[in-house]
Amino acid sequence: MNKFLVIILIFFLILSTAIVKNSTKRLDDEIFILRENVRSLKKDLENIKLENDYLSSAEKLLEFQNLYFENELIKKDIQEIKKINKNFDQIEITQFSFINE
């Protein structure tokens, strides 16, 4: 009887160890995949932030204006901006409303 219990106990321990090992390996694989995805997304974020900071700085915009447009661009008063709506054959011009107004 004791031998039978010891054999069952050993078999149970081997089986539970295999189950734990497989589930741990599966979790490690999922963690690795998630970390790689996060690493890739962080790299993309850094590139996008750099591009945004580089291209949207006031100095860069003025430099691009001088480089590519010379005197073609002019300043407009923000109140002069209008919105054009076309409904069927009718055209309606209204004052543009800004989000923070």
N, C-alpha and C. Protein backbone atom coordinates (compact mmCIF):
# COMPACT_ATOMS: atom_id res chain seq x y z
N MET A 1 0.82 -1.19 0.00
CA MET A 1 0.00 0.00 0.00
C MET A 1 0.87 1.26 0.00
N ASN A 2 1.94 1.23 0.83
CA ASN A 2 2.82 2.39 0.90
C ASN A 2 3.53 2.62 -0.43
N LYS A 3 3.95 1.52 -1.08
CA LYS A 3 4.62 1.66 -2.37
C LYS A 3 3.69 2.28 -3.40
N PHE A 4 2.44 1.86 -3.35
CA PHE A 4 1.46 2.39 -4.29
C PHE A 4 1.24 3.89 -4.07
N LEU A 5 1.15 4.32 -2.81
CA LEU A 5 0.98 5.74 -2.50
C LEU A 5 2.20 6.55 -2.92
N VAL A 6 3.38 5.99 -2.71
CA VAL A 6 4.61 6.69 -3.10
C VAL A 6 4.68 6.83 -4.61
N ILE A 7 4.30 5.81 -5.33
CA ILE A 7 4.32 5.85 -6.80
C ILE A 7 3.31 6.88 -7.30
N ILE A 8 2.11 6.88 -6.71
CA ILE A 8 1.09 7.87 -7.11
C ILE A 8 1.57 9.28 -6.79
N LEU A 9 2.19 9.48 -5.62
CA LEU A 9 2.71 10.78 -5.23
C LEU A 9 3.80 11.25 -6.20
N ILE A 10 4.71 10.36 -6.55
CA ILE A 10 5.78 10.71 -7.49
C ILE A 10 5.19 11.03 -8.86
N PHE A 11 4.23 10.23 -9.31
CA PHE A 11 3.59 10.48 -10.59
C PHE A 11 2.87 11.83 -10.58
N PHE A 12 2.17 12.12 -9.49
CA PHE A 12 1.47 13.40 -9.34
C PHE A 12 2.45 14.57 -9.35
N LEU A 13 3.57 14.43 -8.67
CA LEU A 13 4.58 15.49 -8.64
C LEU A 13 5.19 15.72 -10.03
N ILE A 14 5.47 14.64 -10.74
CA ILE A 14 6.02 14.77 -12.10
C ILE A 14 5.00 15.45 -13.02
N LEU A 15 3.76 15.03 -12.92
CA LEU A 15 2.71 15.62 -13.74
C LEU A 15 2.50 17.09 -13.42
N SER A 16 2.43 17.45 -12.15
CA SER A 16 2.23 18.85 -11.77
C SER A 16 3.44 19.70 -12.16
N THR A 17 4.65 19.15 -12.05
CA THR A 17 5.85 19.87 -12.47
C THR A 17 5.81 20.15 -13.96
N ALA A 18 5.39 19.18 -14.75
CA ALA A 18 5.30 19.36 -16.21
C ALA A 18 4.26 20.42 -16.56
N ILE A 19 3.13 20.40 -15.88
CA ILE A 19 2.09 21.39 -16.14
C ILE A 19 2.57 22.79 -15.78
N VAL A 20 3.20 22.93 -14.61
CA VAL A 20 3.71 24.23 -14.19
C VAL A 20 4.80 24.72 -15.14
N LYS A 21 5.67 23.81 -15.56
CA LYS A 21 6.75 24.19 -16.48
C LYS A 21 6.19 24.66 -17.81
N ASN A 22 5.22 23.96 -18.36
CA ASN A 22 4.63 24.35 -19.64
C ASN A 22 3.89 25.68 -19.54
N SER A 23 3.14 25.87 -18.46
CA SER A 23 2.42 27.13 -18.33
C SER A 23 3.39 28.30 -18.10
N THR A 24 4.47 28.05 -17.38
CA THR A 24 5.48 29.09 -17.17
C THR A 24 6.16 29.45 -18.49
N LYS A 25 6.46 28.45 -19.29
CA LYS A 25 7.08 28.71 -20.60
C LYS A 25 6.13 29.50 -21.49
N ARG A 26 4.87 29.16 -21.48
CA ARG A 26 3.87 29.88 -22.27
C ARG A 26 3.79 31.35 -21.81
N LEU A 27 3.78 31.57 -20.50
CA LEU A 27 3.74 32.94 -19.98
C LEU A 27 5.01 33.71 -20.35
N ASP A 28 6.15 33.05 -20.27
CA ASP A 28 7.41 33.71 -20.66
C ASP A 28 7.38 34.11 -22.13
N ASP A 29 6.84 33.25 -22.98
CA ASP A 29 6.73 33.58 -24.40
C ASP A 29 5.81 34.78 -24.62
N GLU A 30 4.69 34.81 -23.92
CA GLU A 30 3.77 35.94 -24.05
C GLU A 30 4.41 37.23 -23.56
N ILE A 31 5.13 37.16 -22.44
CA ILE A 31 5.82 38.33 -21.91
C ILE A 31 6.87 38.82 -22.89
N PHE A 32 7.61 37.91 -23.49
CA PHE A 32 8.63 38.29 -24.47
C PHE A 32 8.00 38.99 -25.67
N ILE A 33 6.90 38.44 -26.17
CA ILE A 33 6.21 39.05 -27.32
C ILE A 33 5.71 40.45 -26.96
N LEU A 34 5.11 40.58 -25.78
CA LEU A 34 4.62 41.89 -25.36
C LEU A 34 5.75 42.90 -25.20
N ARG A 35 6.86 42.46 -24.63
CA ARG A 35 8.00 43.38 -24.47
C ARG A 35 8.55 43.81 -25.82
N GLU A 36 8.61 42.90 -26.77
CA GLU A 36 9.08 43.25 -28.11
C GLU A 36 8.13 44.24 -28.77
N ASN A 37 6.83 44.03 -28.59
CA ASN A 37 5.85 44.97 -29.15
C ASN A 37 5.99 46.34 -28.51
N VAL A 38 6.17 46.37 -27.20
CA VAL A 38 6.33 47.64 -26.50
C VAL A 38 7.62 48.33 -26.95
N ARG A 39 8.69 47.57 -27.11
CA ARG A 39 9.95 48.14 -27.57
C ARG A 39 9.79 48.76 -28.96
N SER A 40 9.10 48.06 -29.84
CA SER A 40 8.86 48.57 -31.18
C SER A 40 8.01 49.83 -31.14
N LEU A 41 6.97 49.83 -30.32
CA LEU A 41 6.10 51.00 -30.21
C LEU A 41 6.84 52.19 -29.59
N LYS A 42 7.72 51.93 -28.62
CA LYS A 42 8.50 53.02 -28.03
C LYS A 42 9.43 53.64 -29.06
N LYS A 43 10.03 52.80 -29.89
CA LYS A 43 10.91 53.31 -30.94
C LYS A 43 10.13 54.16 -31.92
N ASP A 44 8.94 53.69 -32.33
CA ASP A 44 8.10 54.47 -33.22
C ASP A 44 7.68 55.79 -32.58
N LEU A 45 7.34 55.75 -31.30
CA LEU A 45 6.95 56.96 -30.59
C LEU A 45 8.08 57.97 -30.54
N GLU A 46 9.30 57.50 -30.25
CA GLU A 46 10.44 58.39 -30.21
C GLU A 46 10.69 59.03 -31.58
N ASN A 47 10.58 58.24 -32.65
CA ASN A 47 10.77 58.78 -33.99
C ASN A 47 9.70 59.81 -34.35
N ILE A 48 8.48 59.52 -33.99
CA ILE A 48 7.38 60.45 -34.28
C ILE A 48 7.53 61.72 -33.47
N LYS A 49 7.91 61.59 -32.19
CA LYS A 49 8.12 62.78 -31.37
C LYS A 49 9.25 63.64 -31.92
N LEU A 50 10.33 63.00 -32.33
CA LEU A 50 11.45 63.73 -32.90
C LEU A 50 11.02 64.44 -34.17
N GLU A 51 10.32 63.74 -35.03
CA GLU A 51 9.85 64.34 -36.28
C GLU A 51 8.91 65.50 -36.00
N ASN A 52 8.00 65.33 -35.06
CA ASN A 52 7.06 66.39 -34.72
C ASN A 52 7.79 67.60 -34.15
N ASP A 53 8.71 67.38 -33.22
CA ASP A 53 9.45 68.48 -32.62
C ASP A 53 10.31 69.19 -33.66
N TYR A 54 10.90 68.42 -34.54
CA TYR A 54 11.80 68.99 -35.55
C TYR A 54 11.02 69.79 -36.58
N LEU A 55 9.92 69.22 -37.06
CA LEU A 55 9.18 69.87 -38.13
C LEU A 55 8.23 70.96 -37.66
N SER A 56 7.78 70.91 -36.42
CA SER A 56 6.76 71.86 -35.99
C SER A 56 7.33 73.02 -35.18
N SER A 57 8.63 73.10 -35.00
CA SER A 57 9.18 74.24 -34.27
C SER A 57 9.03 75.49 -35.12
N ALA A 58 8.84 76.61 -34.48
CA ALA A 58 8.62 77.86 -35.20
C ALA A 58 9.81 78.21 -36.09
N GLU A 59 11.00 77.96 -35.59
CA GLU A 59 12.19 78.27 -36.40
C GLU A 59 12.23 77.42 -37.66
N LYS A 60 11.89 76.16 -37.53
CA LYS A 60 11.91 75.28 -38.69
C LYS A 60 10.85 75.68 -39.70
N LEU A 61 9.65 76.04 -39.21
CA LEU A 61 8.60 76.44 -40.12
C LEU A 61 8.98 77.71 -40.88
N LEU A 62 9.59 78.66 -40.18
CA LEU A 62 10.05 79.88 -40.86
C LEU A 62 11.15 79.56 -41.86
N GLU A 63 12.03 78.63 -41.49
CA GLU A 63 13.11 78.24 -42.41
C GLU A 63 12.53 77.57 -43.66
N PHE A 64 11.54 76.69 -43.49
CA PHE A 64 10.90 76.05 -44.64
C PHE A 64 10.17 77.07 -45.50
N GLN A 65 9.54 78.04 -44.84
CA GLN A 65 8.84 79.08 -45.60
C GLN A 65 9.84 79.83 -46.47
N ASN A 66 10.96 80.23 -45.89
CA ASN A 66 11.96 80.97 -46.65
C ASN A 66 12.59 80.10 -47.73
N LEU A 67 12.78 78.84 -47.44
CA LEU A 67 13.44 77.95 -48.37
C LEU A 67 12.57 77.58 -49.56
N TYR A 68 11.30 77.25 -49.30
CA TYR A 68 10.45 76.70 -50.35
C TYR A 68 9.43 77.70 -50.92
N PHE A 69 8.96 78.64 -50.10
CA PHE A 69 7.87 79.49 -50.54
C PHE A 69 8.27 80.94 -50.76
N GLU A 70 9.41 81.33 -50.27
CA GLU A 70 9.91 82.70 -50.37
C GLU A 70 8.83 83.68 -49.96
N ASN A 71 8.27 84.45 -50.89
CA ASN A 71 7.28 85.46 -50.52
C ASN A 71 5.85 85.05 -50.87
N GLU A 72 5.64 83.79 -51.11
CA GLU A 72 4.30 83.33 -51.49
C GLU A 72 3.35 83.24 -50.31
N LEU A 73 3.86 83.07 -49.10
CA LEU A 73 3.01 82.96 -47.92
C LEU A 73 2.87 84.32 -47.26
N ILE A 74 1.64 84.63 -46.87
CA ILE A 74 1.40 85.88 -46.16
C ILE A 74 0.65 85.57 -44.88
N LYS A 75 0.78 86.46 -43.90
CA LYS A 75 0.08 86.27 -42.64
C LYS A 75 -1.37 86.69 -42.81
N LYS A 76 -2.27 85.94 -42.19
CA LYS A 76 -3.69 86.24 -42.22
C LYS A 76 -4.16 86.44 -40.79
N ASP A 77 -5.07 87.38 -40.63
CA ASP A 77 -5.70 87.55 -39.32
C ASP A 77 -6.63 86.36 -39.09
N ILE A 78 -6.60 85.84 -37.91
CA ILE A 78 -7.36 84.63 -37.61
C ILE A 78 -8.86 84.87 -37.72
N GLN A 79 -9.30 86.11 -37.54
CA GLN A 79 -10.72 86.43 -37.65
C GLN A 79 -11.19 86.46 -39.10
N GLU A 80 -10.28 86.52 -40.05
CA GLU A 80 -10.64 86.55 -41.46
C GLU A 80 -10.93 85.16 -42.02
N ILE A 81 -10.70 84.14 -41.25
CA ILE A 81 -10.92 82.77 -41.73
C ILE A 81 -12.41 82.49 -41.73
N LYS A 82 -12.91 82.03 -42.87
CA LYS A 82 -14.33 81.72 -43.05
C LYS A 82 -14.50 80.24 -43.37
N LYS A 83 -15.71 79.77 -43.17
CA LYS A 83 -16.03 78.39 -43.46
C LYS A 83 -17.07 78.37 -44.59
N ILE A 84 -16.81 77.54 -45.60
CA ILE A 84 -17.70 77.45 -46.75
C ILE A 84 -18.45 76.12 -46.69
N ASN A 85 -19.77 76.21 -46.68
CA ASN A 85 -20.62 75.02 -46.70
C ASN A 85 -21.35 74.98 -48.03
N LYS A 86 -21.35 73.83 -48.65
CA LYS A 86 -22.08 73.67 -49.91
C LYS A 86 -23.20 72.67 -49.69
N ASN A 87 -24.43 73.16 -49.77
CA ASN A 87 -25.61 72.31 -49.63
C ASN A 87 -26.33 72.29 -50.96
N PHE A 88 -26.29 71.18 -51.61
CA PHE A 88 -26.87 71.01 -52.93
C PHE A 88 -26.32 72.07 -53.87
N ASP A 89 -27.14 73.03 -54.31
CA ASP A 89 -26.66 74.06 -55.23
C ASP A 89 -26.39 75.38 -54.51
N GLN A 90 -26.52 75.40 -53.22
CA GLN A 90 -26.38 76.62 -52.45
C GLN A 90 -25.04 76.65 -51.72
N ILE A 91 -24.36 77.79 -51.74
CA ILE A 91 -23.10 77.96 -51.04
C ILE A 91 -23.31 78.94 -49.90
N GLU A 92 -22.91 78.54 -48.71
CA GLU A 92 -23.08 79.38 -47.52
C GLU A 92 -21.71 79.64 -46.90
N ILE A 93 -21.40 80.90 -46.64
CA ILE A 93 -20.13 81.29 -46.03
C ILE A 93 -20.43 81.77 -44.62
N THR A 94 -19.80 81.12 -43.62
CA THR A 94 -20.01 81.48 -42.22
C THR A 94 -18.68 81.72 -41.54
N GLN A 95 -18.74 82.38 -40.40
CA GLN A 95 -17.54 82.63 -39.61
C GLN A 95 -17.06 81.30 -39.02
N PHE A 96 -15.78 81.07 -39.10
CA PHE A 96 -15.20 79.84 -38.57
C PHE A 96 -15.15 79.94 -37.05
N SER A 97 -15.62 78.92 -36.36
CA SER A 97 -15.57 78.93 -34.89
C SER A 97 -14.47 77.99 -34.44
N PHE A 98 -13.69 78.48 -33.51
CA PHE A 98 -12.56 77.71 -33.01
C PHE A 98 -12.99 76.89 -31.80
N ILE A 99 -12.26 75.85 -31.53
CA ILE A 99 -12.63 74.91 -30.46
C ILE A 99 -12.63 75.58 -29.10
N ASN A 100 -11.61 76.39 -28.82
CA ASN A 100 -11.49 76.95 -27.47
C ASN A 100 -12.23 78.27 -27.30
N GLU A 101 -13.10 78.64 -28.23
CA GLU A 101 -13.88 79.86 -28.07
C GLU A 101 -15.16 79.57 -27.35
